């Protein structure tokens, strides 16, 4: 499980990376070329699609950061975990989500299925 816990940590770190070039390089390193990302707001494939989703979230929630909420639960090559979006300066979360990440078994993400448990009104 520790490998998948690390994978989840790297996944969240990409969502927090402010530099677009570094974020793109990290996506290329962490995701398979044909990786998919699906949540209630997006359904994309490949590095560019995943990068666009992350950039959109970062643009919408400037001044916030993503954090893993609780423990990462994993078996075989699948991890699930909750995450939250909190103000960088501290304070209560405004978004809570639940993601399932499927690894290719060689340390890269193949699939992400995301769910939103708490969202701000009007988002």
C-alpha atoms as a PDB file:
ATOM      1  CA  UNK A   1       0.000   0.000   0.000  1.00  0.00           C
ATOM      2  CA  UNK A   2       2.847   2.441   0.626  1.00  0.00           C
ATOM      3  CA  UNK A   3       3.536   2.707  -3.132  1.00  0.00           C
ATOM      4  CA  UNK A   4      -0.078   3.666  -3.779  1.00  0.00           C
ATOM      5  CA  UNK A   5      -0.039   6.089  -0.851  1.00  0.00           C
ATOM      6  CA  UNK A   6       2.989   7.747  -2.440  1.00  0.00           C
ATOM      7  CA  UNK A   7       1.216   7.732  -5.814  1.00  0.00           C
ATOM      8  CA  UNK A   8      -1.794   9.491  -4.255  1.00  0.00           C
ATOM      9  CA  UNK A   9       0.533  12.068  -2.690  1.00  0.00           C
ATOM     10  CA  UNK A  10       2.200  12.753  -6.037  1.00  0.00           C
ATOM     11  CA  UNK A  11      -1.235  13.005  -7.660  1.00  0.00           C
ATOM     12  CA  UNK A  12      -2.363  15.669  -5.165  1.00  0.00           C
ATOM     13  CA  UNK A  13       0.979  17.511  -5.499  1.00  0.00           C
ATOM     14  CA  UNK A  14       0.304  17.978  -9.223  1.00  0.00           C
ATOM     15  CA  UNK A  15      -2.994  19.697  -8.441  1.00  0.00           C
ATOM     16  CA  UNK A  16      -1.059  22.092  -6.182  1.00  0.00           C
ATOM     17  CA  UNK A  17       1.837  22.815  -8.588  1.00  0.00           C
ATOM     18  CA  UNK A  18       1.569  26.495  -9.612  1.00  0.00           C
ATOM     19  CA  UNK A  19       4.091  26.350 -12.470  1.00  0.00           C
ATOM     20  CA  UNK A  20       2.391  25.138 -15.657  1.00  0.00           C
ATOM     21  CA  UNK A  21       5.568  23.693 -17.210  1.00  0.00           C
ATOM     22  CA  UNK A  22       6.458  21.792 -14.026  1.00  0.00           C
ATOM     23  CA  UNK A  23       2.869  20.586 -13.763  1.00  0.00           C
ATOM     24  CA  UNK A  24       2.937  19.309 -17.372  1.00  0.00           C
ATOM     25  CA  UNK A  25       6.228  17.504 -16.758  1.00  0.00           C
ATOM     26  CA  UNK A  26       4.844  15.923 -13.576  1.00  0.00           C
ATOM     27  CA  UNK A  27       1.705  14.785 -15.420  1.00  0.00           C
ATOM     28  CA  UNK A  28       3.853  13.174 -18.136  1.00  0.00           C
ATOM     29  CA  UNK A  29       5.890  11.413 -15.464  1.00  0.00           C
ATOM     30  CA  UNK A  30       2.966  10.207 -13.349  1.00  0.00           C
ATOM     31  CA  UNK A  31       0.270   9.300 -15.902  1.00  0.00           C
ATOM     32  CA  UNK A  32       0.307   6.797 -18.763  1.00  0.00           C
ATOM     33  CA  UNK A  33      -0.001   8.450 -22.190  1.00  0.00           C
ATOM     34  CA  UNK A  34      -3.602   7.255 -22.578  1.00  0.00           C
ATOM     35  CA  UNK A  35      -4.667   7.862 -18.965  1.00  0.00           C
ATOM     36  CA  UNK A  36      -8.249   8.892 -18.323  1.00  0.00           C
ATOM     37  CA  UNK A  37      -9.713  11.297 -15.776  1.00  0.00           C
ATOM     38  CA  UNK A  38     -13.454  11.322 -15.113  1.00  0.00           C
ATOM     39  CA  UNK A  39     -15.422  13.276 -12.527  1.00  0.00           C
ATOM     40  CA  UNK A  40     -18.849  14.977 -12.524  1.00  0.00           C
ATOM     41  CA  UNK A  41     -17.407  17.956 -14.430  1.00  0.00           C
ATOM     42  CA  UNK A  42     -14.911  16.335 -16.814  1.00  0.00           C
ATOM     43  CA  UNK A  43     -14.213  13.245 -18.880  1.00  0.00           C
ATOM     44  CA  UNK A  44     -10.809  13.485 -20.564  1.00  0.00           C
ATOM     45  CA  UNK A  45      -8.024  11.280 -21.911  1.00  0.00           C
ATOM     46  CA  UNK A  46      -4.298  11.948 -22.191  1.00  0.00           C
ATOM     47  CA  UNK A  47      -1.827  14.345 -20.661  1.00  0.00           C
ATOM     48  CA  UNK A  48      -3.222  17.483 -22.322  1.00  0.00           C
ATOM     49  CA  UNK A  49      -6.785  16.760 -21.209  1.00  0.00           C
ATOM     50  CA  UNK A  50      -5.738  16.038 -17.647  1.00  0.00           C
ATOM     51  CA  UNK A  51      -3.591  19.174 -17.607  1.00  0.00           C
ATOM     52  CA  UNK A  52      -6.514  21.277 -18.828  1.00  0.00           C
ATOM     53  CA  UNK A  53      -8.789  19.970 -16.053  1.00  0.00           C
ATOM     54  CA  UNK A  54      -6.194  20.733 -13.391  1.00  0.00           C
ATOM     55  CA  UNK A  55      -5.477  24.189 -14.833  1.00  0.00           C
ATOM     56  CA  UNK A  56      -9.207  24.942 -14.862  1.00  0.00           C
ATOM     57  CA  UNK A  57      -9.579  23.962 -11.206  1.00  0.00           C
ATOM     58  CA  UNK A  58      -6.507  25.995 -10.233  1.00  0.00           C
ATOM     59  CA  UNK A  59      -7.874  29.038 -12.093  1.00  0.00           C
ATOM     60  CA  UNK A  60     -11.293  28.678 -10.471  1.00  0.00           C
ATOM     61  CA  UNK A  61      -9.915  28.247  -6.943  1.00  0.00           C
ATOM     62  CA  UNK A  62      -6.949  30.606  -6.710  1.00  0.00           C
ATOM     63  CA  UNK A  63      -5.558  30.790  -3.181  1.00  0.00           C
ATOM     64  CA  UNK A  64      -6.650  27.238  -2.316  1.00  0.00           C
ATOM     65  CA  UNK A  65      -4.754  23.959  -2.048  1.00  0.00           C
ATOM     66  CA  UNK A  66      -5.671  20.299  -2.266  1.00  0.00           C
ATOM     67  CA  UNK A  67      -4.928  17.948   0.637  1.00  0.00           C
ATOM     68  CA  UNK A  68      -5.533  14.271   1.216  1.00  0.00           C
ATOM     69  CA  UNK A  69      -8.236  13.871   3.844  1.00  0.00           C
ATOM     70  CA  UNK A  70      -7.652  10.771   5.973  1.00  0.00           C
ATOM     71  CA  UNK A  71      -5.854   7.619   4.898  1.00  0.00           C
ATOM     72  CA  UNK A  72      -5.327   6.149   1.460  1.00  0.00           C
ATOM     73  CA  UNK A  73      -7.038   2.760   1.155  1.00  0.00           C
ATOM     74  CA  UNK A  74      -5.475   0.462  -1.425  1.00  0.00           C
ATOM     75  CA  UNK A  75      -5.444  -3.040  -2.781  1.00  0.00           C
ATOM     76  CA  UNK A  76      -3.557  -4.574  -5.666  1.00  0.00           C
ATOM     77  CA  UNK A  77      -3.155  -1.627  -8.076  1.00  0.00           C
ATOM     78  CA  UNK A  78      -6.136   0.491  -6.967  1.00  0.00           C
ATOM     79  CA  UNK A  79      -6.250   3.286  -4.389  1.00  0.00           C
ATOM     80  CA  UNK A  80      -9.142   5.304  -3.032  1.00  0.00           C
ATOM     81  CA  UNK A  81      -8.953   8.386  -0.885  1.00  0.00           C
ATOM     82  CA  UNK A  82     -10.784  11.529   0.118  1.00  0.00           C
ATOM     83  CA  UNK A  83      -9.341  14.956  -0.475  1.00  0.00           C
ATOM     84  CA  UNK A  84     -10.268  18.480   0.439  1.00  0.00           C
ATOM     85  CA  UNK A  85      -9.744  21.940  -1.000  1.00  0.00           C
ATOM     86  CA  UNK A  86      -8.746  24.427   1.695  1.00  0.00           C
ATOM     87  CA  UNK A  87      -7.582  28.052   1.757  1.00  0.00           C
ATOM     88  CA  UNK A  88      -3.781  28.254   1.552  1.00  0.00           C
ATOM     89  CA  UNK A  89      -3.896  30.596   4.557  1.00  0.00           C
ATOM     90  CA  UNK A  90      -5.801  27.996   6.582  1.00  0.00           C
ATOM     91  CA  UNK A  91      -9.425  27.526   7.393  1.00  0.00           C
ATOM     92  CA  UNK A  92     -12.327  25.238   6.564  1.00  0.00           C
ATOM     93  CA  UNK A  93     -12.499  23.239   3.363  1.00  0.00           C
ATOM     94  CA  UNK A  94     -14.859  24.384   0.625  1.00  0.00           C
ATOM     95  CA  UNK A  95     -14.744  21.178  -1.445  1.00  0.00           C
ATOM     96  CA  UNK A  96     -14.448  17.517  -0.463  1.00  0.00           C
ATOM     97  CA  UNK A  97     -13.948  14.802  -3.039  1.00  0.00           C
ATOM     98  CA  UNK A  98     -13.367  11.081  -3.266  1.00  0.00           C
ATOM     99  CA  UNK A  99     -11.048   9.676  -5.934  1.00  0.00           C
ATOM    100  CA  UNK A 100     -10.302   6.161  -7.114  1.00  0.00           C
ATOM    101  CA  UNK A 101      -6.927   5.840  -8.845  1.00  0.00           C
ATOM    102  CA  UNK A 102      -5.949   2.803 -10.901  1.00  0.00           C
ATOM    103  CA  UNK A 103      -2.237   2.243 -11.441  1.00  0.00           C
ATOM    104  CA  UNK A 104      -0.700   0.402 -14.372  1.00  0.00           C
ATOM    105  CA  UNK A 105       1.276  -1.648 -11.840  1.00  0.00           C
ATOM    106  CA  UNK A 106       4.513   0.077 -12.842  1.00  0.00           C
ATOM    107  CA  UNK A 107       4.008   3.288 -10.871  1.00  0.00           C
ATOM    108  CA  UNK A 108       1.914   5.309 -13.340  1.00  0.00           C
ATOM    109  CA  UNK A 109      -1.724   6.310 -13.162  1.00  0.00           C
ATOM    110  CA  UNK A 110      -3.961   4.744 -15.785  1.00  0.00           C
ATOM    111  CA  UNK A 111      -7.394   5.878 -14.602  1.00  0.00           C
ATOM    112  CA  UNK A 112      -8.862   8.378 -12.147  1.00  0.00           C
ATOM    113  CA  UNK A 113     -12.550   8.310 -11.226  1.00  0.00           C
ATOM    114  CA  UNK A 114     -13.518  11.269  -9.071  1.00  0.00           C
ATOM    115  CA  UNK A 115     -16.618  12.121  -7.082  1.00  0.00           C
ATOM    116  CA  UNK A 116     -17.576  15.387  -5.388  1.00  0.00           C
ATOM    117  CA  UNK A 117     -19.063  15.102  -1.911  1.00  0.00           C
ATOM    118  CA  UNK A 118     -19.138  18.792  -1.025  1.00  0.00           C
ATOM    119  CA  UNK A 119     -19.122  21.732  -3.425  1.00  0.00           C
ATOM    120  CA  UNK A 120     -19.700  25.438  -2.881  1.00  0.00           C
ATOM    121  CA  UNK A 121     -23.016  26.876  -4.026  1.00  0.00           C
ATOM    122  CA  UNK A 122     -22.822  28.123  -7.596  1.00  0.00           C
ATOM    123  CA  UNK A 123     -19.711  26.117  -8.475  1.00  0.00           C
END
